[in-house]
C-alpha atoms as a PDB file:
ATOM      1  CA  MET A   1      -0.006   0.089   0.009  1.00  0.00           C
ATOM      2  CA  LYS A   2       1.223   3.533  -0.958  1.00  0.00           C
ATOM      3  CA  ILE A   3       0.806   6.021   1.955  1.00  0.00           C
ATOM      4  CA  VAL A   4       1.331   9.803   1.873  1.00  0.00           C
ATOM      5  CA  VAL A   5       1.954  12.060   4.748  1.00  0.00           C
ATOM      6  CA  PRO A   6       2.141  15.924   4.499  1.00  0.00           C
ATOM      7  CA  VAL A   7       5.479  16.947   6.354  1.00  0.00           C
ATOM      8  CA  ASP A   8       7.422  19.930   7.327  1.00  0.00           C
ATOM      9  CA  GLU A   9      10.812  21.186   5.929  1.00  0.00           C
ATOM     10  CA  ASP A  10      12.649  18.580   7.981  1.00  0.00           C
ATOM     11  CA  LYS A  11      10.792  15.914   5.973  1.00  0.00           C
ATOM     12  CA  GLN A  12       9.843  14.091   9.104  1.00  0.00           C
ATOM     13  CA  THR A  13       7.453  16.225  11.193  1.00  0.00           C
ATOM     14  CA  VAL A  14       3.649  15.938  10.201  1.00  0.00           C
ATOM     15  CA  PHE A  15       2.413  19.185   8.893  1.00  0.00           C
ATOM     16  CA  LYS A  16      -1.043  20.045   9.957  1.00  0.00           C
ATOM     17  CA  ARG A  17      -2.206  22.008   7.023  1.00  0.00           C
ATOM     18  CA  THR A  18      -2.184  19.588   3.924  1.00  0.00           C
ATOM     19  CA  GLY A  19      -2.394  22.125   1.178  1.00  0.00           C
ATOM     20  CA  ARG A  20       0.445  24.247   2.669  1.00  0.00           C
ATOM     21  CA  ALA A  21       2.744  21.391   3.518  1.00  0.00           C
ATOM     22  CA  PRO A  22       6.451  21.845   2.195  1.00  0.00           C
ATOM     23  CA  PHE A  23       6.647  18.253   1.338  1.00  0.00           C
ATOM     24  CA  PHE A  24       4.818  14.993   0.890  1.00  0.00           C
ATOM     25  CA  ALA A  25       6.427  11.883   2.271  1.00  0.00           C
ATOM     26  CA  LEU A  26       5.674   8.758   0.331  1.00  0.00           C
ATOM     27  CA  TYR A  27       5.650   5.277   1.960  1.00  0.00           C
ATOM     28  CA  GLU A  28       5.410   1.854   0.479  1.00  0.00           C
ATOM     29  CA  ASN A  29       3.847   0.269   3.565  1.00  0.00           C
ATOM     30  CA  GLU A  30       6.018   1.274   6.501  1.00  0.00           C
ATOM     31  CA  ILE A  31       9.175   2.165   4.244  1.00  0.00           C
ATOM     32  CA  LEU A  32       9.808   5.762   3.376  1.00  0.00           C
ATOM     33  CA  GLN A  33      10.460   5.853  -0.470  1.00  0.00           C
ATOM     34  CA  LYS A  34      10.847   9.618  -1.141  1.00  0.00           C
ATOM     35  CA  CYS A  35       9.614  13.083  -0.349  1.00  0.00           C
ATOM     36  CA  ILE A  36       8.048  15.297  -2.937  1.00  0.00           C
ATOM     37  CA  VAL A  37       8.060  18.992  -2.907  1.00  0.00           C
ATOM     38  CA  ASN A  38       4.536  20.712  -2.735  1.00  0.00           C
ATOM     39  CA  SER A  39       5.072  23.662  -5.075  1.00  0.00           C
ATOM     40  CA  HIS A  40       1.812  25.214  -4.127  1.00  0.00           C
ATOM     41  CA  ALA A  41       2.971  25.617  -0.615  1.00  0.00           C
ATOM     42  CA  ALA A  42       5.751  28.073  -1.822  1.00  0.00           C
ATOM     43  CA  SER A  43       3.185  30.488  -2.914  1.00  0.00           C
ATOM     44  CA  HIS A  44       2.018  30.809   0.743  1.00  0.00           C
ATOM     45  CA  HIS A  45       5.598  30.950   2.213  1.00  0.00           C
ATOM     46  CA  GLY A  46       5.548  33.260   5.078  1.00  0.00           C
ATOM     47  CA  ASP A  47       1.991  32.751   6.181  1.00  0.00           C
ATOM     48  CA  LYS A  48       1.741  32.140   9.736  1.00  0.00           C
ATOM     49  CA  GLY A  49       0.643  28.865  10.775  1.00  0.00           C
ATOM     50  CA  GLU A  50       1.454  26.235  13.365  1.00  0.00           C
ATOM     51  CA  HIS A  51       5.182  26.411  12.943  1.00  0.00           C
ATOM     52  CA  GLU A  52       5.403  30.260  12.685  1.00  0.00           C
ATOM     53  CA  GLY A  53       3.644  31.475  15.658  1.00  0.00           C
ATOM     54  CA  GLY A  54       0.321  32.051  14.108  1.00  0.00           C
ATOM     55  CA  HIS A  55      -3.002  31.206  15.523  1.00  0.00           C
ATOM     56  CA  GLU A  56      -3.582  27.326  14.899  1.00  0.00           C
ATOM     57  CA  HIS A  57      -6.788  26.210  13.392  1.00  0.00           C
ATOM     58  CA  ASP A  58      -8.163  23.059  11.938  1.00  0.00           C
ATOM     59  CA  GLU A  59      -8.987  23.462   8.179  1.00  0.00           C
ATOM     60  CA  GLU A  60     -11.658  20.899   8.590  1.00  0.00           C
ATOM     61  CA  HIS A  61     -13.744  23.417  10.464  1.00  0.00           C
ATOM     62  CA  HIS A  62     -12.254  26.357   8.696  1.00  0.00           C
ATOM     63  CA  HIS A  63     -14.516  28.016   6.076  1.00  0.00           C
ATOM     64  CA  GLU A  64     -12.710  27.954   2.692  1.00  0.00           C
ATOM     65  CA  GLU A  65     -14.397  29.289  -0.368  1.00  0.00           C
ATOM     66  CA  HIS A  66     -14.450  26.838  -3.111  1.00  0.00           C
ATOM     67  CA  SER A  67     -12.578  27.651  -6.200  1.00  0.00           C
ATOM     68  CA  ALA A  68     -12.207  25.589  -9.251  1.00  0.00           C
ATOM     69  CA  GLU A  69      -8.974  27.350 -10.175  1.00  0.00           C
ATOM     70  CA  GLU A  70      -7.579  26.524  -6.749  1.00  0.00           C
ATOM     71  CA  VAL A  71      -8.561  22.898  -7.173  1.00  0.00           C
ATOM     72  CA  GLN A  72      -6.852  22.772 -10.437  1.00  0.00           C
ATOM     73  CA  HIS A  73      -3.719  24.267  -9.102  1.00  0.00           C
ATOM     74  CA  HIS A  74      -3.764  21.641  -6.366  1.00  0.00           C
ATOM     75  CA  ARG A  75      -4.251  18.877  -8.788  1.00  0.00           C
ATOM     76  CA  GLN A  76      -1.243  19.996 -10.833  1.00  0.00           C
ATOM     77  CA  ASP A  77       0.953  20.027  -7.725  1.00  0.00           C
ATOM     78  CA  ILE A  78      -0.036  16.651  -6.500  1.00  0.00           C
ATOM     79  CA  GLY A  79       0.348  14.843  -9.831  1.00  0.00           C
ATOM     80  CA  GLU A  80       3.166  12.736  -8.536  1.00  0.00           C
ATOM     81  CA  LEU A  81       0.851  11.346  -5.891  1.00  0.00           C
ATOM     82  CA  ILE A  82      -1.237   9.634  -8.525  1.00  0.00           C
ATOM     83  CA  GLY A  83      -1.295   5.893  -7.843  1.00  0.00           C
ATOM     84  CA  CYS A  84      -0.966   6.308  -4.006  1.00  0.00           C
ATOM     85  CA  ASP A  85      -3.782   4.764  -1.888  1.00  0.00           C
ATOM     86  CA  VAL A  86      -4.289   6.960   1.023  1.00  0.00           C
ATOM     87  CA  ILE A  87      -3.069  10.278   2.659  1.00  0.00           C
ATOM     88  CA  LEU A  88      -2.818  10.606   6.402  1.00  0.00           C
ATOM     89  CA  ALA A  89      -3.723  14.134   7.286  1.00  0.00           C
ATOM     90  CA  GLN A  90      -4.731  16.352  10.261  1.00  0.00           C
ATOM     91  CA  ALA A  91      -6.597  18.986   8.361  1.00  0.00           C
ATOM     92  CA  VAL A  92      -7.528  19.214   4.556  1.00  0.00           C
ATOM     93  CA  GLY A  93      -9.309  22.219   3.063  1.00  0.00           C
ATOM     94  CA  GLU A  94     -12.233  21.875   0.643  1.00  0.00           C
ATOM     95  CA  ASN A  95     -10.270  22.657  -2.401  1.00  0.00           C
ATOM     96  CA  MET A  96      -7.396  20.183  -1.513  1.00  0.00           C
ATOM     97  CA  LYS A  97      -9.794  17.610  -0.479  1.00  0.00           C
ATOM     98  CA  GLU A  98     -11.634  17.829  -4.012  1.00  0.00           C
ATOM     99  CA  ALA A  99      -8.148  17.684  -5.686  1.00  0.00           C
ATOM    100  CA  LEU A 100      -7.092  14.666  -3.635  1.00  0.00           C
ATOM    101  CA  GLU A 101     -10.254  12.849  -4.280  1.00  0.00           C
ATOM    102  CA  SER A 102     -10.074  13.541  -7.947  1.00  0.00           C
ATOM    103  CA  ILE A 103      -6.840  11.350  -8.447  1.00  0.00           C
ATOM    104  CA  GLY A 104      -8.306   8.556  -6.392  1.00  0.00           C
ATOM    105  CA  LEU A 105      -6.568   9.295  -2.857  1.00  0.00           C
ATOM    106  CA  LYS A 106      -8.505   8.286   0.149  1.00  0.00           C
ATOM    107  CA  ILE A 107      -8.131  10.668   3.190  1.00  0.00           C
ATOM    108  CA  GLN A 108      -7.580   9.214   6.583  1.00  0.00           C
ATOM    109  CA  LYS A 109      -7.838  11.899   9.180  1.00  0.00           C
ATOM    110  CA  ILE A 110      -5.254  11.768  12.094  1.00  0.00           C
ATOM    111  CA  SER A 111      -4.891  13.506  15.468  1.00  0.00           C
ATOM    112  CA  LYS A 112      -1.967  15.050  17.206  1.00  0.00           C
ATOM    113  CA  SER A 113      -2.068  12.218  19.720  1.00  0.00           C
ATOM    114  CA  ASP A 114      -1.225   9.808  16.841  1.00  0.00           C
ATOM    115  CA  GLY A 115       2.337  11.081  16.756  1.00  0.00           C
ATOM    116  CA  THR A 116       4.440  13.960  15.635  1.00  0.00           C
ATOM    117  CA  THR A 117       6.397  12.219  12.818  1.00  0.00           C
ATOM    118  CA  ALA A 118       5.322  10.578   9.507  1.00  0.00           C
ATOM    119  CA  GLN A 119       6.817   7.340  10.514  1.00  0.00           C
ATOM    120  CA  GLU A 120       4.754   7.229  13.743  1.00  0.00           C
ATOM    121  CA  VAL A 121       1.549   7.847  12.160  1.00  0.00           C
ATOM    122  CA  VAL A 122       2.249   5.407   9.332  1.00  0.00           C
ATOM    123  CA  ASN A 123       3.159   2.664  11.751  1.00  0.00           C
ATOM    124  CA  LYS A 124      -0.061   3.184  13.643  1.00  0.00           C
ATOM    125  CA  PHE A 125      -2.103   3.327  10.421  1.00  0.00           C
ATOM    126  CA  ILE A 126      -0.644  -0.041   9.366  1.00  0.00           C
ATOM    127  CA  THR A 127      -1.482  -1.502  12.763  1.00  0.00           C
ATOM    128  CA  ASN A 128      -4.951  -0.147  12.687  1.00  0.00           C
ATOM    129  CA  SER A 129      -4.282   1.923  15.796  1.00  0.00           C
ATOM    130  CA  LEU A 130      -4.942   5.508  14.745  1.00  0.00           C
ATOM    131  CA  LYS A 131      -7.362   7.509  17.104  1.00  0.00           C
ATOM    132  CA  ARG A 132      -9.819   8.177  14.196  1.00  0.00           C
ATOM    133  CA  GLN A 133      -9.181   4.917  12.265  1.00  0.00           C
ATOM    134  CA  ASN A 134     -12.144   2.574  11.591  1.00  0.00           C
ATOM    135  CA  LYS A 135     -11.914  -0.290  14.102  1.00  0.00           C
ATOM    136  CA  LYS A 136     -12.127  -2.759  11.377  1.00  0.00           C
ATOM    137  CA  GLY A 137      -9.356  -1.180   9.301  1.00  0.00           C
ATOM    138  CA  GLN A 138     -11.834  -0.271   6.663  1.00  0.00           C
ATOM    139  CA  ILE A 139      -9.379   1.537   4.313  1.00  0.00           C
ATOM    140  CA  MET A 140      -6.803  -1.143   4.524  1.00  0.00           C
ATOM    141  CA  GLU A 141      -9.225  -3.914   3.900  1.00  0.00           C
ATOM    142  CA  GLU A 142     -11.371  -2.104   1.199  1.00  0.00           C
ATOM    143  CA  SER A 143      -9.289  -3.489  -1.691  1.00  0.00           C
ATOM    144  CA  LYS A 144      -9.825  -7.030  -0.343  1.00  0.00           C
ATOM    145  CA  GLN A 145     -13.636  -6.657   0.129  1.00  0.00           C
ATOM    146  CA  ASN A 146     -14.432  -4.595  -2.927  1.00  0.00           C
ATOM    147  CA  LYS A 147     -14.636  -7.195  -5.866  1.00  0.00           C
ATOM    148  CA  GLN A 148     -15.743  -4.320  -8.335  1.00  0.00           C
ATOM    149  CA  THR A 149     -13.511  -3.316 -11.402  1.00  0.00           C
ATOM    150  CA  ARG A 150     -13.848   0.112 -12.981  1.00  0.00           C
ATOM    151  CA  LEU A 151     -12.556   0.240 -16.490  1.00  0.00           C
ATOM    152  CA  VAL A 152     -12.343   3.130 -18.780  1.00  0.00           C
ATOM    153  CA  PHE A 153     -12.901   2.807 -22.670  1.00  0.00           C
ATOM    154  CA  PRO A 154     -12.282   5.745 -25.050  1.00  0.00           C
ATOM    155  CA  THR A 155     -15.113   5.934 -27.291  1.00  0.00           C
ATOM    156  CA  ASP A 156     -16.515   7.879 -30.348  1.00  0.00           C
ATOM    157  CA  GLU A 157     -20.100   7.995 -29.137  1.00  0.00           C
ATOM    158  CA  ASP A 158     -22.200   8.201 -26.035  1.00  0.00           C
ATOM    159  CA  MET A 159     -24.363   4.770 -26.066  1.00  0.00           C
ATOM    160  CA  GLY A 160     -23.080   3.245 -23.010  1.00  0.00           C
ATOM    161  CA  TYR A 161     -21.616  -0.247 -23.396  1.00  0.00           C
ATOM    162  CA  LEU A 162     -22.966  -0.414 -27.038  1.00  0.00           C
ATOM    163  CA  SER A 163     -20.555   2.691 -27.826  1.00  0.00           C
ATOM    164  CA  LYS A 164     -18.123   2.229 -30.724  1.00  0.00           C
ATOM    165  CA  ARG A 165     -14.518   2.392 -29.284  1.00  0.00           C
ATOM    166  CA  GLY A 166     -12.097   5.115 -30.201  1.00  0.00           C
ATOM    167  CA  ALA A 167      -9.090   4.376 -32.125  1.00  0.00           C
ATOM    168  CA  HIS A 168      -6.833   6.577 -29.774  1.00  0.00           C
ATOM    169  CA  PHE A 169      -7.489   7.503 -26.228  1.00  0.00           C
ATOM    170  CA  GLY A 170      -6.397  11.002 -26.615  1.00  0.00           C
ATOM    171  CA  LYS A 171      -8.540  11.769 -29.655  1.00  0.00           C
ATOM    172  CA  ALA A 172     -11.683   9.878 -28.557  1.00  0.00           C
ATOM    173  CA  LYS A 173     -14.831  12.142 -28.104  1.00  0.00           C
ATOM    174  CA  PHE A 174     -15.885  10.344 -24.899  1.00  0.00           C
ATOM    175  CA  TYR A 175     -14.715   8.086 -22.038  1.00  0.00           C
ATOM    176  CA  THR A 176     -17.100   5.243 -21.223  1.00  0.00           C
ATOM    177  CA  ILE A 177     -16.584   3.989 -17.752  1.00  0.00           C
ATOM    178  CA  VAL A 178     -17.817   0.404 -16.995  1.00  0.00           C
ATOM    179  CA  THR A 179     -17.953  -0.831 -13.520  1.00  0.00           C
ATOM    180  CA  LEU A 180     -17.912  -4.530 -13.365  1.00  0.00           C
ATOM    181  CA  GLU A 181     -18.974  -6.826 -10.390  1.00  0.00           C
ATOM    182  CA  GLY A 182     -17.474 -10.228 -11.053  1.00  0.00           C
ATOM    183  CA  GLU A 183     -18.365 -10.601 -14.587  1.00  0.00           C
ATOM    184  CA  ALA A 184     -21.596  -8.574 -14.670  1.00  0.00           C
ATOM    185  CA  ILE A 185     -21.940  -4.922 -15.663  1.00  0.00           C
ATOM    186  CA  LYS A 186     -22.914  -3.104 -12.611  1.00  0.00           C
ATOM    187  CA  ASP A 187     -22.760   0.517 -13.857  1.00  0.00           C
ATOM    188  CA  VAL A 188     -22.005   2.440 -16.977  1.00  0.00           C
ATOM    189  CA  GLU A 189     -21.059   6.197 -17.229  1.00  0.00           C
ATOM    190  CA  VAL A 190     -20.077   8.398 -20.077  1.00  0.00           C
ATOM    191  CA  VAL A 191     -18.143  11.512 -19.861  1.00  0.00           C
ATOM    192  CA  ALA A 192     -16.869  13.922 -22.555  1.00  0.00           C
ATOM    193  CA  ASN A 193     -13.115  13.858 -23.163  1.00  0.00           C
ATOM    194  CA  PRO A 194     -11.762  17.267 -22.027  1.00  0.00           C
ATOM    195  CA  GLY A 195      -8.732  16.715 -24.448  1.00  0.00           C
ATOM    196  CA  HIS A 196      -5.185  17.619 -24.124  1.00  0.00           C
ATOM    197  CA  SER A 197      -4.411  21.051 -22.711  1.00  0.00           C
ATOM    198  CA  GLY A 198      -1.934  22.486 -25.090  1.00  0.00           C
ATOM    199  CA  GLY A 199      -0.880  18.963 -26.026  1.00  0.00           C
ATOM    200  CA  ALA A 200       0.189  18.136 -22.462  1.00  0.00           C
ATOM    201  CA  CYS A 201       0.026  14.370 -21.971  1.00  0.00           C
ATOM    202  CA  GLY A 202       0.486  14.719 -18.241  1.00  0.00           C
ATOM    203  CA  ASN A 203      -3.097  16.442 -18.225  1.00  0.00           C
ATOM    204  CA  ALA A 204      -4.412  13.618 -20.259  1.00  0.00           C
ATOM    205  CA  VAL A 205      -3.121  11.129 -17.494  1.00  0.00           C
ATOM    206  CA  LEU A 206      -4.609  13.299 -14.774  1.00  0.00           C
ATOM    207  CA  ASN A 207      -7.924  13.471 -16.696  1.00  0.00           C
ATOM    208  CA  ILE A 208      -8.030   9.696 -16.857  1.00  0.00           C
ATOM    209  CA  MET A 209      -6.944   9.115 -13.181  1.00  0.00           C
ATOM    210  CA  SER A 210      -9.660  11.624 -11.983  1.00  0.00           C
ATOM    211  CA  LEU A 211     -12.193   9.032 -13.076  1.00  0.00           C
ATOM    212  CA  LYS A 212     -10.771   6.786 -10.512  1.00  0.00           C
ATOM    213  CA  PRO A 213     -10.230   3.641 -12.856  1.00  0.00           C
ATOM    214  CA  ASP A 214      -8.877   0.262 -12.137  1.00  0.00           C
ATOM    215  CA  GLY A 215      -7.909  -0.199 -15.808  1.00  0.00           C
ATOM    216  CA  LEU A 216      -7.824   1.608 -19.204  1.00  0.00           C
ATOM    217  CA  VAL A 217      -8.534  -0.260 -22.324  1.00  0.00           C
ATOM    218  CA  VAL A 218      -7.173   1.362 -25.443  1.00  0.00           C
ATOM    219  CA  SER A 219      -6.712   0.626 -29.181  1.00  0.00           C
ATOM    220  CA  GLY A 220      -3.610   2.856 -29.400  1.00  0.00           C
ATOM    221  CA  ILE A 221      -1.585   5.184 -27.213  1.00  0.00           C
ATOM    222  CA  GLY A 222       1.657   7.157 -27.326  1.00  0.00           C
ATOM    223  CA  GLY A 223       4.775   6.379 -25.346  1.00  0.00           C
ATOM    224  CA  SER A 224       4.542   9.317 -23.076  1.00  0.00           C
ATOM    225  CA  PRO A 225       1.006   8.774 -21.700  1.00  0.00           C
ATOM    226  CA  ALA A 226       1.646   4.935 -21.558  1.00  0.00           C
ATOM    227  CA  GLU A 227       4.691   5.696 -19.291  1.00  0.00           C
ATOM    228  CA  GLY A 228       2.582   8.120 -17.242  1.00  0.00           C
ATOM    229  CA  PHE A 229      -0.189   5.490 -16.666  1.00  0.00           C
ATOM    230  CA  ALA A 230       2.572   3.015 -15.656  1.00  0.00           C
ATOM    231  CA  LYS A 231       4.060   5.480 -13.250  1.00  0.00           C
ATOM    232  CA  ALA A 232       0.682   6.100 -11.746  1.00  0.00           C
ATOM    233  CA  GLY A 233       0.085   2.290 -11.281  1.00  0.00           C
ATOM    234  CA  LEU A 234      -2.824   2.040 -13.612  1.00  0.00           C
ATOM    235  CA  ASP A 235      -3.404  -1.353 -15.516  1.00  0.00           C
ATOM    236  CA  LEU A 236      -3.289  -0.529 -19.324  1.00  0.00           C
ATOM    237  CA  TYR A 237      -4.856  -3.080 -21.749  1.00  0.00           C
ATOM    238  CA  PHE A 238      -4.536  -3.258 -25.606  1.00  0.00           C
ATOM    239  CA  ASP A 239      -7.518  -4.252 -27.696  1.00  0.00           C
ATOM    240  CA  SER A 240      -7.059  -3.540 -31.351  1.00  0.00           C
ATOM    241  CA  THR A 241      -9.821  -5.831 -32.594  1.00  0.00           C
ATOM    242  CA  SER A 242     -13.274  -5.112 -30.556  1.00  0.00           C
ATOM    243  CA  ALA A 243     -15.447  -2.791 -32.354  1.00  0.00           C
ATOM    244  CA  THR A 244     -17.617  -1.844 -29.265  1.00  0.00           C
ATOM    245  CA  VAL A 245     -17.130  -1.560 -25.553  1.00  0.00           C
ATOM    246  CA  GLU A 246     -19.357  -4.661 -25.036  1.00  0.00           C
ATOM    247  CA  LEU A 247     -17.132  -6.696 -27.112  1.00  0.00           C
ATOM    248  CA  SER A 248     -14.068  -5.441 -25.435  1.00  0.00           C
ATOM    249  CA  ILE A 249     -15.434  -6.224 -22.054  1.00  0.00           C
ATOM    250  CA  LYS A 250     -16.078  -9.848 -23.167  1.00  0.00           C
ATOM    251  CA  ALA A 251     -12.426 -10.018 -24.453  1.00  0.00           C
ATOM    252  CA  PHE A 252     -11.161  -8.502 -21.029  1.00  0.00           C
ATOM    253  CA  LEU A 253     -13.143 -11.154 -18.888  1.00  0.00           C
ATOM    254  CA  SER A 254     -11.830 -14.009 -21.022  1.00  0.00           C
ATOM    255  CA  GLY A 255      -8.282 -12.854 -20.425  1.00  0.00           C
ATOM    256  CA  LYS A 256      -7.679 -12.021 -24.105  1.00  0.00           C
ATOM    257  CA  LEU A 257      -6.327  -8.494 -23.780  1.00  0.00           C
ATOM    258  CA  GLU A 258      -2.681  -7.772 -23.767  1.00  0.00           C
ATOM    259  CA  LYS A 259      -1.448  -5.838 -20.732  1.00  0.00           C
ATOM    260  CA  SER A 260       1.021  -3.015 -21.176  1.00  0.00           C
ATOM    261  CA  SER A 261       4.453  -3.051 -19.662  1.00  0.00           C
ATOM    262  CA  GLY A 262       4.538   0.742 -19.889  1.00  0.00           C
ATOM    263  CA  GLN A 263       5.291   1.074 -23.560  1.00  0.00           C
ATOM    264  CA  GLY A 264       3.046   2.948 -26.195  1.00  0.00           C
ATOM    265  CA  THR A 265       1.714   1.554 -29.415  1.00  0.00           C
ATOM    266  CA  CYS A 266       2.189   4.450 -31.619  1.00  0.00           C
ATOM    267  CA  SER A 267       4.354   7.640 -31.982  1.00  0.00           C
ATOM    268  CA  ALA A 268       1.352   9.967 -32.180  1.00  0.00           C
ATOM    269  CA  HIS A 269      -0.462  11.182 -29.066  1.00  0.00           C
END
């Protein structure tokens, strides 16, 4: 399990305000992997907070005006957190909360009594002993209990699982999201493809990851986004023969689709 903790400049002390944390510490279970700079925090450098003598308050109860622009700024700053499972945080503002949830990160609230360092709170989370943690370890066990699979299919039309599949994920008009429960279709959603922003494949990866998928099924994809999805930990499957989403689902369930190793299938993207 990949765990994130907002930390101070020493890269160890838990930082209360998630959106203003200087760094995010990334753990693979209880082992620290790296610390990522939160560039958004730099724009607020000098604001008084818990470490600078200002009045301490909990963002959970602090009114924060919703701002789509602010949410987008946060999303860009936390792009490297894509693929992580949960963030352990004392306080999360509404804009940051929306940004975190848009890339599939679950939020586990922690208390000061859980510890002052990231390692302490991570160890308690893994042993299911955080003060606010579900007694049954709900987040830790969710992946074991949840048998649903959420697949994204680039499509050229909005006709649910009967939609014709798009030839290329970046150029498809829609994304059709199919939720499978076992081998049965439980739910189907269709969203418009917002497209590349100025040709930036990083945004395309973020757009897909905001749909919270377990897998992406494509006919073709460039090397850069394929690498981005691999880095994000998303399963990528190739299907160059199925004309519709329905047929592609059948191929997926029968184990006929090739799973990507992080390489693209075409030079264009």
